[in-house]
Protein backbone atom coordinates (compact mmCIF):
# COMPACT_ATOMS: atom_id res chain seq x y z
CA MET A 1 -41.93 -37.71 -60.18
CA ASN A 2 -38.95 -38.38 -62.77
CA ARG A 3 -40.17 -38.34 -66.52
CA PRO A 4 -39.02 -41.26 -68.63
CA CYS A 5 -35.99 -40.35 -70.54
CA ILE A 6 -35.32 -41.54 -74.12
CA VAL A 7 -32.03 -41.65 -75.76
CA ALA A 8 -32.36 -41.25 -79.63
CA VAL A 9 -29.66 -41.99 -82.05
CA GLU A 10 -30.38 -40.82 -85.39
CA ASP A 11 -28.47 -38.73 -88.14
CA ASP A 12 -31.08 -37.21 -90.21
CA ARG A 13 -31.69 -34.21 -88.60
CA ARG A 14 -35.26 -33.67 -89.79
CA TYR A 15 -36.03 -37.58 -87.98
CA ARG A 16 -34.50 -35.71 -84.45
CA HIS A 17 -36.87 -33.05 -84.92
CA LEU A 18 -39.94 -35.08 -85.12
CA LEU A 19 -38.60 -37.47 -82.50
CA GLU A 20 -38.06 -34.43 -80.24
CA LEU A 21 -41.63 -33.26 -80.98
CA ILE A 22 -43.06 -36.77 -80.18
CA PHE A 23 -41.86 -37.22 -77.03
CA THR A 24 -41.78 -33.91 -75.59
CA ARG A 25 -45.14 -33.25 -76.03
CA ARG A 26 -46.03 -36.62 -74.15
CA ASN A 27 -43.55 -34.59 -71.33
CA TYR A 28 -40.74 -37.19 -72.13
CA GLN A 29 -36.75 -36.27 -71.28
CA VAL A 30 -35.23 -36.86 -75.15
CA ILE A 31 -31.85 -36.83 -75.56
CA LEU A 32 -30.88 -36.59 -78.94
CA THR A 33 -27.60 -37.85 -80.37
CA PRO A 34 -26.30 -37.93 -84.39
CA ASP A 35 -23.55 -41.17 -84.52
CA GLY A 36 -23.00 -43.91 -82.38
CA ARG A 37 -20.71 -42.72 -80.12
CA ALA A 38 -22.01 -39.88 -78.95
CA GLY A 39 -25.20 -42.09 -78.66
CA ILE A 40 -23.39 -44.66 -76.41
CA LYS A 41 -21.49 -41.91 -74.52
CA ALA A 42 -25.11 -40.65 -73.81
CA VAL A 43 -26.56 -44.00 -72.82
CA THR A 44 -23.82 -43.79 -70.38
CA GLU A 45 -23.96 -40.62 -68.57
CA HIS A 46 -28.06 -40.31 -68.40
CA THR A 47 -28.84 -44.06 -67.42
CA PRO A 48 -32.01 -43.55 -70.15
CA ASP A 49 -34.93 -45.87 -69.92
CA LEU A 50 -35.03 -46.37 -73.65
CA VAL A 51 -33.02 -46.30 -76.31
CA LEU A 52 -33.91 -45.38 -80.24
CA LEU A 53 -31.46 -45.99 -82.32
CA ASP A 54 -31.26 -45.88 -85.87
CA LEU A 55 -29.12 -48.21 -88.32
CA ALA A 56 -27.54 -45.73 -90.87
CA LEU A 57 -25.39 -44.22 -88.55
CA PRO A 58 -22.11 -42.03 -90.27
CA ASP A 59 -19.85 -43.67 -87.91
CA ASN A 60 -20.48 -46.83 -87.45
CA ASP A 61 -22.80 -49.89 -88.43
CA GLY A 62 -25.51 -49.35 -86.58
CA PHE A 63 -25.71 -53.33 -85.28
CA VAL A 64 -21.82 -53.02 -83.65
CA VAL A 65 -23.75 -50.13 -81.95
CA LEU A 66 -26.46 -51.85 -80.99
CA GLU A 67 -24.06 -54.64 -79.54
CA ARG A 68 -22.13 -51.60 -77.58
CA LEU A 69 -25.27 -50.53 -76.32
CA ARG A 70 -26.47 -53.71 -74.88
CA ALA A 71 -23.30 -54.21 -73.00
CA ALA A 72 -22.95 -50.63 -71.95
CA SER A 73 -26.87 -50.43 -70.41
CA ASP A 74 -29.80 -52.77 -69.08
CA ALA A 75 -31.98 -50.05 -71.33
CA PRO A 76 -34.25 -51.51 -73.79
CA VAL A 77 -33.50 -50.82 -77.60
CA VAL A 78 -35.53 -50.45 -80.01
CA ILE A 79 -34.32 -50.09 -83.93
CA VAL A 80 -35.97 -47.39 -85.71
CA SER A 81 -35.13 -47.74 -89.55
CA ALA A 82 -36.00 -47.55 -93.09
CA ARG A 83 -34.21 -51.04 -93.64
CA ALA A 84 -37.40 -53.18 -94.00
CA GLN A 85 -35.68 -56.26 -95.26
CA GLN A 86 -37.03 -59.35 -93.52
CA ALA A 87 -33.10 -60.55 -92.56
CA GLN A 88 -32.23 -56.90 -91.26
CA ILE A 89 -35.23 -57.24 -88.61
CA VAL A 90 -34.33 -60.39 -88.00
CA ARG A 91 -30.61 -59.66 -87.27
CA GLY A 92 -31.59 -56.60 -84.91
CA LEU A 93 -34.10 -58.82 -82.78
CA LEU A 94 -31.34 -61.49 -82.62
CA LEU A 95 -28.87 -59.03 -81.27
CA GLY A 96 -30.88 -57.65 -78.99
CA ALA A 97 -33.20 -55.17 -79.82
CA ALA A 98 -36.40 -54.79 -77.81
CA ASP A 99 -38.64 -53.94 -81.22
CA TYR A 100 -37.97 -52.87 -84.66
CA VAL A 101 -40.01 -49.73 -86.30
CA ILE A 102 -39.89 -49.29 -89.59
CA LYS A 103 -39.71 -45.87 -91.08
CA PRO A 104 -41.83 -43.87 -91.99
CA PHE A 105 -43.77 -44.75 -88.68
CA SER A 106 -46.89 -42.99 -87.11
CA ALA A 107 -46.64 -40.78 -84.24
CA ASP A 108 -49.28 -42.58 -82.56
CA GLU A 109 -47.88 -46.08 -83.52
CA LEU A 110 -44.29 -45.28 -82.05
CA LEU A 111 -45.13 -44.17 -78.80
CA ALA A 112 -48.15 -46.96 -78.54
CA ARG A 113 -44.59 -49.41 -79.02
CA ILE A 114 -42.33 -47.43 -76.36
CA GLU A 115 -45.34 -47.64 -73.83
CA ALA A 116 -45.77 -51.35 -74.11
CA ILE A 117 -41.87 -51.88 -74.19
CA LEU A 118 -41.31 -49.86 -70.68
CA ARG A 119 -44.24 -51.19 -69.22
CA ARG A 120 -43.05 -54.38 -69.86
CA PHE A 121 -39.44 -53.78 -68.02
CA GLY A 122 -40.87 -52.39 -65.66
CA ARG A 123 -39.21 -48.87 -66.67
CA ALA A 124 -42.05 -46.55 -66.08
CA ALA A 125 -41.27 -43.15 -64.43
CA SER A 126 -43.21 -44.39 -61.48
CA VAL A 127 -41.10 -46.95 -60.43
CA ARG A 128 -37.86 -45.77 -61.70
CA GLN A 129 -34.99 -45.98 -58.80
CA ALA A 130 -31.16 -45.52 -59.29
CA ALA A 131 -30.24 -48.37 -56.86
CA VAL A 132 -32.34 -50.50 -54.31
CA GLU A 133 -31.22 -52.90 -51.64
CA ILE A 134 -31.83 -56.36 -51.65
CA GLY A 135 -31.75 -58.34 -48.41
CA ASP A 136 -27.46 -58.36 -48.54
CA LEU A 137 -27.59 -56.67 -52.43
CA ALA A 138 -26.89 -53.46 -53.10
CA ILE A 139 -27.98 -52.96 -56.60
CA ASP A 140 -26.48 -49.40 -58.08
CA PHE A 141 -28.29 -48.88 -61.57
CA THR A 142 -26.42 -46.24 -62.58
CA GLN A 143 -22.96 -47.50 -62.40
CA ARG A 144 -24.28 -50.84 -63.15
CA GLN A 145 -22.96 -52.29 -59.99
CA VAL A 146 -23.63 -55.34 -57.24
CA TRP A 147 -22.43 -55.14 -53.80
CA GLN A 148 -22.47 -57.69 -51.31
CA TRP A 149 -21.85 -57.02 -47.39
CA GLY A 150 -19.43 -54.13 -48.83
CA ARG A 151 -18.11 -55.56 -51.33
CA ARG A 152 -18.70 -55.61 -55.03
CA VAL A 153 -19.38 -58.58 -56.56
CA GLY A 154 -17.84 -59.32 -60.33
CA LEU A 155 -20.54 -59.90 -63.10
CA THR A 156 -20.46 -60.13 -66.66
CA PRO A 157 -22.81 -57.76 -68.69
CA THR A 158 -25.05 -60.56 -68.82
CA GLU A 159 -24.96 -61.82 -65.48
CA TYR A 160 -25.61 -58.38 -64.29
CA GLN A 161 -28.41 -57.60 -66.35
CA LEU A 162 -29.93 -60.74 -65.45
CA LEU A 163 -30.07 -59.55 -61.63
CA ALA A 164 -30.83 -55.95 -62.50
CA TYR A 165 -33.93 -57.41 -64.48
CA LEU A 166 -35.05 -59.30 -61.31
CA ALA A 167 -34.39 -56.73 -59.00
CA ARG A 168 -36.52 -54.74 -60.76
CA ASN A 169 -39.89 -57.19 -60.97
CA ALA A 170 -39.00 -58.52 -57.00
CA GLU A 171 -41.25 -60.36 -55.82
CA CYS A 172 -42.75 -61.13 -59.33
CA VAL A 173 -42.70 -64.63 -60.79
CA LEU A 174 -41.70 -64.41 -63.98
CA GLU A 175 -42.15 -66.64 -66.93
CA THR A 176 -39.08 -68.13 -68.39
CA ALA A 177 -39.45 -66.89 -72.28
CA GLU A 178 -40.13 -63.52 -70.53
CA ILE A 179 -36.77 -63.13 -68.35
CA LEU A 180 -34.87 -64.12 -71.50
CA ARG A 181 -36.85 -61.67 -74.01
CA GLY A 182 -36.19 -58.94 -71.34
CA VAL A 183 -32.66 -59.62 -70.89
CA TRP A 184 -31.69 -61.28 -74.42
CA GLY A 185 -33.91 -59.55 -76.46
CA ALA A 186 -36.50 -60.90 -78.75
CA GLY A 187 -36.35 -64.06 -80.46
CA TYR A 188 -34.49 -65.97 -77.44
CA GLU A 189 -37.69 -66.84 -76.07
CA GLY A 190 -36.66 -70.80 -76.58
CA GLU A 191 -33.35 -70.31 -75.55
CA VAL A 192 -33.86 -72.11 -71.83
CA THR A 193 -30.42 -73.32 -71.84
CA LEU A 194 -29.02 -69.79 -71.88
CA LEU A 195 -31.05 -68.83 -69.00
CA TYR A 196 -30.23 -72.05 -67.19
CA THR A 197 -26.80 -71.52 -67.36
CA ALA A 198 -26.34 -67.80 -66.22
CA VAL A 199 -28.69 -68.13 -63.37
CA ALA A 200 -26.36 -70.85 -62.16
CA ARG A 201 -23.42 -68.77 -62.57
CA LEU A 202 -25.24 -65.50 -61.04
CA ARG A 203 -26.20 -67.82 -57.81
CA ARG A 204 -22.38 -69.23 -57.23
CA LYS A 205 -21.29 -65.44 -57.39
CA LEU A 206 -24.07 -64.53 -54.80
CA GLY A 207 -23.25 -67.24 -52.52
CA ASP A 208 -26.68 -68.45 -53.81
CA ASP A 209 -27.54 -71.88 -52.63
CA PRO A 210 -29.79 -73.54 -55.47
CA ARG A 211 -31.07 -76.46 -52.91
CA ARG A 212 -32.24 -73.19 -50.23
CA PRO A 213 -31.86 -70.43 -52.31
CA ARG A 214 -32.01 -67.06 -50.49
CA TYR A 215 -32.70 -64.98 -53.66
CA ILE A 216 -32.96 -66.93 -56.85
CA GLN A 217 -36.02 -68.81 -56.77
CA VAL A 218 -37.56 -71.28 -59.42
CA ARG A 219 -41.31 -71.62 -60.16
CA ARG A 220 -41.07 -75.11 -62.35
CA GLY A 221 -42.88 -75.09 -65.56
CA VAL A 222 -43.48 -71.26 -65.12
CA GLY A 223 -40.04 -68.96 -64.49
CA TYR A 224 -38.82 -67.84 -61.75
CA LEU A 225 -38.78 -65.48 -58.72
CA LEU A 226 -36.00 -62.49 -57.14
CA ARG A 227 -37.08 -62.92 -53.67
CA ARG A 228 -36.32 -60.11 -51.05
CA ASP A 229 -34.77 -60.63 -47.45
CA ASP A 230 -37.05 -57.64 -46.32
CA ALA A 231 -40.36 -56.50 -46.36
CA SER A 232 -39.28 -53.74 -49.11
CA ALA A 233 -36.29 -52.71 -51.09
CA ALA A 234 -34.95 -49.10 -50.01
CA PRO A 235 -32.13 -47.18 -51.51
CA ALA A 236 -29.10 -48.78 -51.77
CA GLY A 237 -26.82 -47.82 -48.73
CA ALA A 238 -26.49 -49.96 -45.30
CA ALA A 239 -26.25 -53.52 -46.72
CA GLY A 240 -23.76 -52.25 -49.73
CA PRO A 241 -20.97 -50.29 -49.55
CA PRO A 242 -20.36 -46.73 -48.41
CA ARG A 243 -21.97 -43.85 -50.55
CA GLN A 244 -19.05 -42.54 -52.10
CA ALA A 245 -18.22 -46.12 -53.14
CA LEU A 246 -21.43 -46.57 -55.04
CA ALA A 247 -20.71 -42.92 -56.32
CA SER A 248 -17.06 -44.64 -57.61
């Protein structure tokens, strides 16, 4: 079983050491980076399950790094910062952070929050996959690419994150607020127009007729469900591109 992987973007050496102790004792794989540039590089190279982000970074504004992380990966981002002002917390959540933890923190609380987020996002080690096939779609979570009938589908970062979130929870009915929180971040639970528009664009690009949807199905008054064409998802390869294309 793969260990959950966490990238920590933290400039304070003492906190990096503390985070390493906390997570290695719980059998997490932790990758420590001292600034925003190194953090973004680590996220693109290692495909973590979660990112911890300090806001006081030496090379860039923490909120700018947050936006870049959200564009580069579908991994949830948890801000860990000494900035306790409500305006800072609200801004971080509106920019897509999954949670905001104020320093100093207790190890037990931090672990409890992170484990809850990993469960919520379906990113526990037992269900972590690099790629899946759902019908004629091949979704490569590592390369953040989607293929259909052997051709790459051009998706925006938000469209990809929406499809990836649905795919990780395939065959499960997800509430509208849950999808908004998982894809756009905390604070967006009421922005249903964002979700309706993204679903419509995604369906159009996948050729999914909303009158007779093959994949993204609506459950009125509740949310959405991503259906599989067959009984189970398998590692990508047969319906998508050749394996060398997935790696390119």
